[in-house]
């Protein structure tokens, strides 16, 4: 069991790094004027409407922030980071 702890810590640190980078990218995609994905041209064609694209982006950002929060809490609480 002791040999598994460093692996779990590295796995959590990897998840934290990936979620942090993804969170930065997702926040930068958001537009302060409400244009958001609609201002990027063809990417909005994936969704049925601009509001649908913004809603999906908001949901993905919220889930990514939740993952980052939980992983950061676990690393800080159990591994002392």
C-alpha atoms as a PDB file:
ATOM      1  CA  UNK A   1       0.000   0.000   0.000  1.00  0.00           C
ATOM      2  CA  UNK A   2       2.872   2.384   0.755  1.00  0.00           C
ATOM      3  CA  UNK A   3       4.228   1.984  -2.778  1.00  0.00           C
ATOM      4  CA  UNK A   4       0.857   3.055  -4.171  1.00  0.00           C
ATOM      5  CA  UNK A   5       0.850   6.448  -2.422  1.00  0.00           C
ATOM      6  CA  UNK A   6       3.489   8.125  -4.661  1.00  0.00           C
ATOM      7  CA  UNK A   7       1.607   6.893  -7.732  1.00  0.00           C
ATOM      8  CA  UNK A   8      -1.670   8.355  -6.457  1.00  0.00           C
ATOM      9  CA  UNK A   9       0.046  11.648  -5.647  1.00  0.00           C
ATOM     10  CA  UNK A  10       1.567  11.849  -9.142  1.00  0.00           C
ATOM     11  CA  UNK A  11      -1.793  10.992 -10.706  1.00  0.00           C
ATOM     12  CA  UNK A  12      -3.522  13.729  -8.720  1.00  0.00           C
ATOM     13  CA  UNK A  13      -0.799  16.242  -9.575  1.00  0.00           C
ATOM     14  CA  UNK A  14      -1.220  15.387 -13.251  1.00  0.00           C
ATOM     15  CA  UNK A  15      -4.975  15.891 -12.980  1.00  0.00           C
ATOM     16  CA  UNK A  16      -4.382  19.209 -11.261  1.00  0.00           C
ATOM     17  CA  UNK A  17      -2.032  20.442 -13.988  1.00  0.00           C
ATOM     18  CA  UNK A  18      -4.335  19.331 -16.797  1.00  0.00           C
ATOM     19  CA  UNK A  19      -7.409  20.853 -15.173  1.00  0.00           C
ATOM     20  CA  UNK A  20      -5.518  24.107 -14.474  1.00  0.00           C
ATOM     21  CA  UNK A  21      -4.424  24.484 -18.097  1.00  0.00           C
ATOM     22  CA  UNK A  22      -7.884  23.551 -19.350  1.00  0.00           C
ATOM     23  CA  UNK A  23      -9.467  26.023 -16.948  1.00  0.00           C
ATOM     24  CA  UNK A  24      -7.200  28.813 -18.203  1.00  0.00           C
ATOM     25  CA  UNK A  25      -8.096  28.044 -21.815  1.00  0.00           C
ATOM     26  CA  UNK A  26     -11.814  27.853 -21.069  1.00  0.00           C
ATOM     27  CA  UNK A  27     -11.815  31.156 -19.186  1.00  0.00           C
ATOM     28  CA  UNK A  28      -9.931  32.830 -22.027  1.00  0.00           C
ATOM     29  CA  UNK A  29     -12.530  31.575 -24.521  1.00  0.00           C
ATOM     30  CA  UNK A  30     -15.270  33.370 -22.593  1.00  0.00           C
ATOM     31  CA  UNK A  31     -15.973  36.845 -23.876  1.00  0.00           C
ATOM     32  CA  UNK A  32     -16.614  39.733 -21.499  1.00  0.00           C
ATOM     33  CA  UNK A  33     -19.137  41.234 -23.926  1.00  0.00           C
ATOM     34  CA  UNK A  34     -21.244  38.112 -24.180  1.00  0.00           C
ATOM     35  CA  UNK A  35     -19.954  37.228 -27.657  1.00  0.00           C
ATOM     36  CA  UNK A  36     -18.065  34.208 -26.389  1.00  0.00           C
ATOM     37  CA  UNK A  37     -17.824  31.339 -28.827  1.00  0.00           C
ATOM     38  CA  UNK A  38     -20.064  33.144 -31.293  1.00  0.00           C
ATOM     39  CA  UNK A  39     -17.273  35.618 -31.990  1.00  0.00           C
ATOM     40  CA  UNK A  40     -14.887  32.865 -33.031  1.00  0.00           C
ATOM     41  CA  UNK A  41     -16.622  32.085 -36.299  1.00  0.00           C
ATOM     42  CA  UNK A  42     -17.120  28.477 -37.306  1.00  0.00           C
ATOM     43  CA  UNK A  43     -16.828  26.936 -33.862  1.00  0.00           C
ATOM     44  CA  UNK A  44     -20.345  28.050 -32.998  1.00  0.00           C
ATOM     45  CA  UNK A  45     -21.714  25.962 -35.872  1.00  0.00           C
ATOM     46  CA  UNK A  46     -21.290  22.839 -33.729  1.00  0.00           C
ATOM     47  CA  UNK A  47     -24.072  23.978 -31.423  1.00  0.00           C
ATOM     48  CA  UNK A  48     -27.658  24.769 -32.371  1.00  0.00           C
ATOM     49  CA  UNK A  49     -27.395  28.369 -31.212  1.00  0.00           C
ATOM     50  CA  UNK A  50     -25.014  30.828 -29.644  1.00  0.00           C
ATOM     51  CA  UNK A  51     -26.841  30.545 -26.330  1.00  0.00           C
ATOM     52  CA  UNK A  52     -26.416  26.773 -26.450  1.00  0.00           C
ATOM     53  CA  UNK A  53     -22.700  27.195 -27.060  1.00  0.00           C
ATOM     54  CA  UNK A  54     -22.362  29.582 -24.126  1.00  0.00           C
ATOM     55  CA  UNK A  55     -24.371  27.281 -21.864  1.00  0.00           C
ATOM     56  CA  UNK A  56     -22.189  24.321 -22.821  1.00  0.00           C
ATOM     57  CA  UNK A  57     -19.021  26.358 -22.264  1.00  0.00           C
ATOM     58  CA  UNK A  58     -20.274  27.494 -18.867  1.00  0.00           C
ATOM     59  CA  UNK A  59     -21.033  23.902 -17.866  1.00  0.00           C
ATOM     60  CA  UNK A  60     -17.645  22.594 -18.995  1.00  0.00           C
ATOM     61  CA  UNK A  61     -15.895  25.450 -17.175  1.00  0.00           C
ATOM     62  CA  UNK A  62     -17.843  24.751 -13.985  1.00  0.00           C
ATOM     63  CA  UNK A  63     -17.037  21.021 -14.083  1.00  0.00           C
ATOM     64  CA  UNK A  64     -13.366  21.736 -14.754  1.00  0.00           C
ATOM     65  CA  UNK A  65     -13.259  24.203 -11.852  1.00  0.00           C
ATOM     66  CA  UNK A  66     -14.914  21.590  -9.627  1.00  0.00           C
ATOM     67  CA  UNK A  67     -12.326  18.970 -10.565  1.00  0.00           C
ATOM     68  CA  UNK A  68      -9.519  21.452  -9.931  1.00  0.00           C
ATOM     69  CA  UNK A  69     -10.981  22.385  -6.544  1.00  0.00           C
ATOM     70  CA  UNK A  70     -11.456  18.790  -5.378  1.00  0.00           C
ATOM     71  CA  UNK A  71      -8.012  17.660  -6.564  1.00  0.00           C
ATOM     72  CA  UNK A  72      -6.369  20.687  -4.920  1.00  0.00           C
ATOM     73  CA  UNK A  73      -8.206  19.990  -1.675  1.00  0.00           C
ATOM     74  CA  UNK A  74      -7.211  16.317  -1.664  1.00  0.00           C
ATOM     75  CA  UNK A  75      -3.583  17.138  -2.430  1.00  0.00           C
ATOM     76  CA  UNK A  76      -3.486  19.779   0.274  1.00  0.00           C
ATOM     77  CA  UNK A  77      -5.289  17.773   2.904  1.00  0.00           C
ATOM     78  CA  UNK A  78      -3.746  14.344   2.463  1.00  0.00           C
ATOM     79  CA  UNK A  79      -0.345  15.146   0.968  1.00  0.00           C
ATOM     80  CA  UNK A  80       0.392  18.517   2.585  1.00  0.00           C
ATOM     81  CA  UNK A  81       0.872  20.555  -0.587  1.00  0.00           C
END
